[in-house]
């Protein structure tokens, strides 16, 4: 995909420099959702979102916020424990999906004697191992190749914030997602975040004030589809208030 994601608004013209540089020059440029070709060479946007490109496929499209989350193997999600059965915790991923099973032994170092105790409404950062298309969804809190948590597991303290699926994808893409607000805030503030592909953001800033400031900053960037300049203004505003 592209080295960075550029936030665009309806009617924006996409410069040729921002289009993919195909690895196979014989491939015709493919325009996906959110882009329109105006002959002879103008390409404009029809929706707000992030411009995404794929040089290998010589394709470009706009990543935007729509639809509801459907579990996919490999996704990182933030789930809420509902209850515990004999072998697993039953967890909510979204209100629209079946409860997922989180095995009691799917934690780093867990045994039948040392498995974690998670009361209802506990939060866990987990990875989907079974999407549930043929059975119930299943998640884990360990990396299957190492047996280590690799950052997964119970999330203690902090607060959760609802974000769009598009923002979740961008945050999980790191620098490629074009979200700079967290980097800007981290220069002056200390906090932890976990991003769920299911549109859930967990933030722990050590205090209610800091936690709310970080979470609401991300929501503002999300809701207003802010680019780099807009995000800089959000960072400056937050830092003035803390």
Protein backbone atom coordinates (compact mmCIF):
# COMPACT_ATOMS: atom_id res chain seq x y z
CA UNK A 1 0.00 0.00 0.00
CA UNK A 2 0.99 3.65 -0.07
CA UNK A 3 3.72 4.96 2.19
CA UNK A 4 1.20 7.35 3.71
CA UNK A 5 -2.53 7.88 3.69
CA UNK A 6 -3.82 11.27 2.61
CA UNK A 7 -7.18 12.44 3.91
CA UNK A 8 -9.39 13.79 1.11
CA UNK A 9 -12.78 15.45 0.83
CA UNK A 10 -15.44 15.10 -1.91
CA UNK A 11 -14.39 16.96 -5.06
CA UNK A 12 -10.65 16.96 -4.29
CA UNK A 13 -8.42 16.38 -7.31
CA UNK A 14 -5.79 13.68 -6.83
CA UNK A 15 -2.33 14.78 -8.08
CA UNK A 16 -0.60 12.27 -10.32
CA UNK A 17 2.26 12.10 -7.82
CA UNK A 18 -0.13 10.57 -5.26
CA UNK A 19 -1.27 7.78 -7.57
CA UNK A 20 0.44 4.38 -7.44
CA UNK A 21 3.69 3.76 -9.29
CA UNK A 22 2.96 0.33 -10.81
CA UNK A 23 5.54 -2.42 -10.59
CA UNK A 24 4.10 -3.70 -13.87
CA UNK A 25 3.80 -0.75 -16.27
CA UNK A 26 1.47 -2.69 -18.55
CA UNK A 27 -1.24 -2.73 -15.89
CA UNK A 28 -4.00 -0.17 -16.33
CA UNK A 29 -4.76 2.01 -13.32
CA UNK A 30 -7.79 0.65 -11.47
CA UNK A 31 -9.97 3.12 -9.55
CA UNK A 32 -11.91 1.74 -6.63
CA UNK A 33 -14.67 3.19 -4.43
CA UNK A 34 -14.59 6.94 -3.91
CA UNK A 35 -12.62 7.90 -7.06
CA UNK A 36 -13.87 9.12 -10.45
CA UNK A 37 -12.03 9.63 -13.73
CA UNK A 38 -12.79 12.83 -15.67
CA UNK A 39 -11.25 12.64 -19.16
CA UNK A 40 -8.63 13.08 -20.18
CA UNK A 41 -6.49 12.69 -17.03
CA UNK A 42 -8.28 14.20 -14.04
CA UNK A 43 -9.13 11.98 -11.05
CA UNK A 44 -11.37 13.37 -8.33
CA UNK A 45 -12.88 12.08 -5.11
CA UNK A 46 -16.57 11.50 -4.49
CA UNK A 47 -16.42 10.76 -0.76
CA UNK A 48 -14.39 11.78 2.29
CA UNK A 49 -11.78 9.37 3.57
CA UNK A 50 -8.16 8.29 3.18
CA UNK A 51 -6.54 7.73 -0.22
CA UNK A 52 -5.04 4.24 -0.37
CA UNK A 53 -2.88 2.90 -3.20
CA UNK A 54 -1.49 -0.49 -4.15
CA UNK A 55 1.46 -0.36 -6.58
CA UNK A 56 1.42 -4.10 -7.20
CA UNK A 57 -2.18 -4.01 -8.43
CA UNK A 58 -1.84 -0.46 -9.81
CA UNK A 59 -5.00 0.44 -7.93
CA UNK A 60 -6.26 3.34 -5.84
CA UNK A 61 -9.37 3.82 -3.73
CA UNK A 62 -10.76 5.78 -0.79
CA UNK A 63 -10.95 4.10 2.59
CA UNK A 64 -14.06 5.45 4.26
CA UNK A 65 -16.28 4.77 7.23
CA UNK A 66 -19.26 2.59 6.47
CA UNK A 67 -20.85 -0.72 7.28
CA UNK A 68 -20.42 -2.78 10.40
CA UNK A 69 -17.51 -4.86 11.59
CA UNK A 70 -17.35 -8.50 10.53
CA UNK A 71 -14.72 -10.68 12.25
CA UNK A 72 -11.75 -11.66 10.10
CA UNK A 73 -8.93 -14.03 11.05
CA UNK A 74 -5.87 -12.13 12.23
CA UNK A 75 -7.72 -8.97 13.27
CA UNK A 76 -6.79 -7.32 16.55
CA UNK A 77 -9.93 -6.51 18.52
CA UNK A 78 -10.97 -5.24 21.94
CA UNK A 79 -13.58 -7.57 23.40
CA UNK A 80 -15.75 -7.39 26.52
CA UNK A 81 -16.09 -10.47 28.71
CA UNK A 82 -19.71 -11.50 29.26
CA UNK A 83 -19.31 -14.67 31.33
CA UNK A 84 -17.15 -17.75 31.81
CA UNK A 85 -17.98 -21.34 30.93
CA UNK A 86 -16.08 -24.53 31.69
CA UNK A 87 -13.37 -23.99 29.07
CA UNK A 88 -13.67 -20.42 27.78
CA UNK A 89 -14.82 -16.87 28.35
CA UNK A 90 -17.74 -15.68 26.23
CA UNK A 91 -16.90 -12.22 24.88
CA UNK A 92 -18.74 -9.49 23.00
CA UNK A 93 -16.93 -8.15 19.91
CA UNK A 94 -19.78 -5.95 18.66
CA UNK A 95 -23.53 -5.85 19.35
CA UNK A 96 -24.08 -7.27 15.84
CA UNK A 97 -21.84 -10.34 15.99
CA UNK A 98 -22.18 -13.60 17.92
CA UNK A 99 -20.27 -13.87 21.17
CA UNK A 100 -16.70 -15.05 20.70
CA UNK A 101 -15.01 -17.81 22.68
CA UNK A 102 -11.75 -16.94 24.43
CA UNK A 103 -10.25 -20.20 25.80
CA UNK A 104 -9.10 -20.02 29.41
CA UNK A 105 -5.67 -21.30 28.34
CA UNK A 106 -5.26 -18.72 25.53
CA UNK A 107 -3.12 -16.45 27.73
CA UNK A 108 0.63 -16.35 28.21
CA UNK A 109 1.67 -18.85 30.91
CA UNK A 110 -1.90 -19.98 31.57
CA UNK A 111 -2.51 -23.47 32.95
CA UNK A 112 -5.61 -25.06 34.42
CA UNK A 113 -4.40 -23.93 37.83
CA UNK A 114 -3.19 -20.44 36.85
CA UNK A 115 -5.74 -19.40 34.25
CA UNK A 116 -6.85 -15.77 34.62
CA UNK A 117 -10.00 -14.73 36.46
CA UNK A 118 -11.93 -12.22 34.37
CA UNK A 119 -15.23 -10.98 35.80
CA UNK A 120 -18.04 -9.76 33.50
CA UNK A 121 -17.30 -6.48 31.67
CA UNK A 122 -13.53 -7.07 31.76
CA UNK A 123 -11.76 -5.87 28.60
CA UNK A 124 -9.27 -7.98 26.65
CA UNK A 125 -7.03 -7.15 23.72
CA UNK A 126 -7.17 -10.21 21.50
CA UNK A 127 -6.61 -11.57 18.01
CA UNK A 128 -9.28 -13.41 16.01
CA UNK A 129 -8.34 -17.00 15.19
CA UNK A 130 -11.73 -18.13 13.84
CA UNK A 131 -14.03 -15.67 12.09
CA UNK A 132 -17.15 -17.64 12.97
CA UNK A 133 -18.41 -18.17 9.45
CA UNK A 134 -18.82 -21.91 10.05
CA UNK A 135 -18.90 -21.85 13.86
CA UNK A 136 -18.72 -19.31 16.67
CA UNK A 137 -15.89 -16.75 16.50
CA UNK A 138 -12.80 -17.56 18.55
CA UNK A 139 -10.09 -15.24 19.84
CA UNK A 140 -6.76 -15.61 21.62
CA UNK A 141 -4.48 -13.51 23.79
CA UNK A 142 -1.22 -15.21 22.78
CA UNK A 143 0.87 -15.28 19.63
CA UNK A 144 0.55 -18.79 18.22
CA UNK A 145 4.16 -18.83 16.99
CA UNK A 146 5.80 -17.69 20.24
CA UNK A 147 3.32 -18.51 23.00
CA UNK A 148 3.89 -14.96 24.28
CA UNK A 149 1.28 -12.28 24.78
CA UNK A 150 2.97 -9.81 22.42
CA UNK A 151 0.90 -6.98 23.93
CA UNK A 152 -2.34 -8.96 24.07
CA UNK A 153 -4.28 -9.77 27.24
CA UNK A 154 -6.51 -8.09 29.83
CA UNK A 155 -6.80 -4.29 29.67
CA UNK A 156 -6.92 -2.86 33.16
CA UNK A 157 -8.00 0.68 33.98
CA UNK A 158 -8.35 3.28 31.27
CA UNK A 159 -11.43 4.05 29.21
CA UNK A 160 -12.87 2.92 25.90
CA UNK A 161 -13.90 5.22 23.05
CA UNK A 162 -15.95 4.39 19.98
CA UNK A 163 -14.17 5.11 16.69
CA UNK A 164 -15.06 4.38 13.08
CA UNK A 165 -13.83 1.24 11.37
CA UNK A 166 -11.86 3.44 8.99
CA UNK A 167 -10.04 5.18 11.84
CA UNK A 168 -9.30 1.83 13.45
CA UNK A 169 -7.70 0.63 10.21
CA UNK A 170 -5.65 3.81 9.94
CA UNK A 171 -4.41 3.64 13.53
CA UNK A 172 -3.42 0.01 13.12
CA UNK A 173 -1.50 0.89 9.94
CA UNK A 174 0.95 3.04 11.90
CA UNK A 175 2.61 5.79 9.86
CA UNK A 176 0.95 4.47 6.70
CA UNK A 177 -2.42 5.46 8.14
CA UNK A 178 -1.59 9.15 8.20
CA UNK A 179 -2.71 9.62 11.82
CA UNK A 180 -0.17 11.87 13.55
CA UNK A 181 -2.20 13.11 16.52
CA UNK A 182 -0.99 10.39 18.91
CA UNK A 183 2.64 11.04 18.03
CA UNK A 184 2.15 14.74 18.65
CA UNK A 185 0.45 14.21 22.00
CA UNK A 186 3.06 11.70 23.17
CA UNK A 187 5.78 14.37 23.02
CA UNK A 188 4.23 16.05 26.08
CA UNK A 189 1.90 13.42 27.57
CA UNK A 190 2.30 9.84 28.76
CA UNK A 191 -0.40 7.34 27.88
CA UNK A 192 -1.10 3.84 26.56
CA UNK A 193 -3.49 2.93 23.76
CA UNK A 194 -4.88 -0.25 22.25
CA UNK A 195 -6.79 -0.18 18.97
CA UNK A 196 -9.45 -2.73 18.07
CA UNK A 197 -10.27 -3.38 14.44
CA UNK A 198 -13.87 -3.60 15.66
CA UNK A 199 -13.98 0.18 16.16
CA UNK A 200 -12.96 0.32 19.82
CA UNK A 201 -10.12 2.43 21.21
CA UNK A 202 -8.75 1.90 24.73
CA UNK A 203 -6.77 4.70 26.36
CA UNK A 204 -5.03 4.86 29.74
CA UNK A 205 -3.44 8.21 30.51
CA UNK A 206 -2.93 7.61 34.22
CA UNK A 207 -5.62 10.17 35.06
CA UNK A 208 -9.17 10.78 33.92
CA UNK A 209 -8.23 14.18 32.46
CA UNK A 210 -5.40 12.86 30.30
CA UNK A 211 -7.32 9.77 29.25
CA UNK A 212 -10.32 11.83 28.13
CA UNK A 213 -8.10 14.33 26.33
CA UNK A 214 -6.40 11.65 24.25
CA UNK A 215 -9.56 9.70 23.49
CA UNK A 216 -11.57 12.77 22.47
CA UNK A 217 -8.68 14.03 20.32
CA UNK A 218 -8.75 10.80 18.30
CA UNK A 219 -12.53 11.00 17.99
CA UNK A 220 -12.31 14.59 16.74
CA UNK A 221 -9.75 13.65 14.07
CA UNK A 222 -11.98 10.73 13.10
CA UNK A 223 -15.29 12.58 12.96
CA UNK A 224 -13.90 15.56 11.04
CA UNK A 225 -11.59 13.52 8.76
CA UNK A 226 -8.71 15.84 9.65
CA UNK A 227 -5.46 15.82 7.71
CA UNK A 228 -2.01 16.60 9.04
CA UNK A 229 -2.63 20.33 9.55
CA UNK A 230 -5.94 19.71 11.26
CA UNK A 231 -4.39 17.13 13.54
CA UNK A 232 -1.64 19.58 14.49
CA UNK A 233 -4.32 22.05 15.60
CA UNK A 234 -5.99 19.35 17.71
CA UNK A 235 -2.67 18.51 19.36
CA UNK A 236 -1.97 22.17 20.14
CA UNK A 237 -5.46 22.61 21.59
CA UNK A 238 -5.16 19.56 23.82
CA UNK A 239 -1.69 20.48 25.08
CA UNK A 240 -2.87 23.98 26.00
CA UNK A 241 -5.58 22.45 28.17
CA UNK A 242 -3.49 19.99 30.17
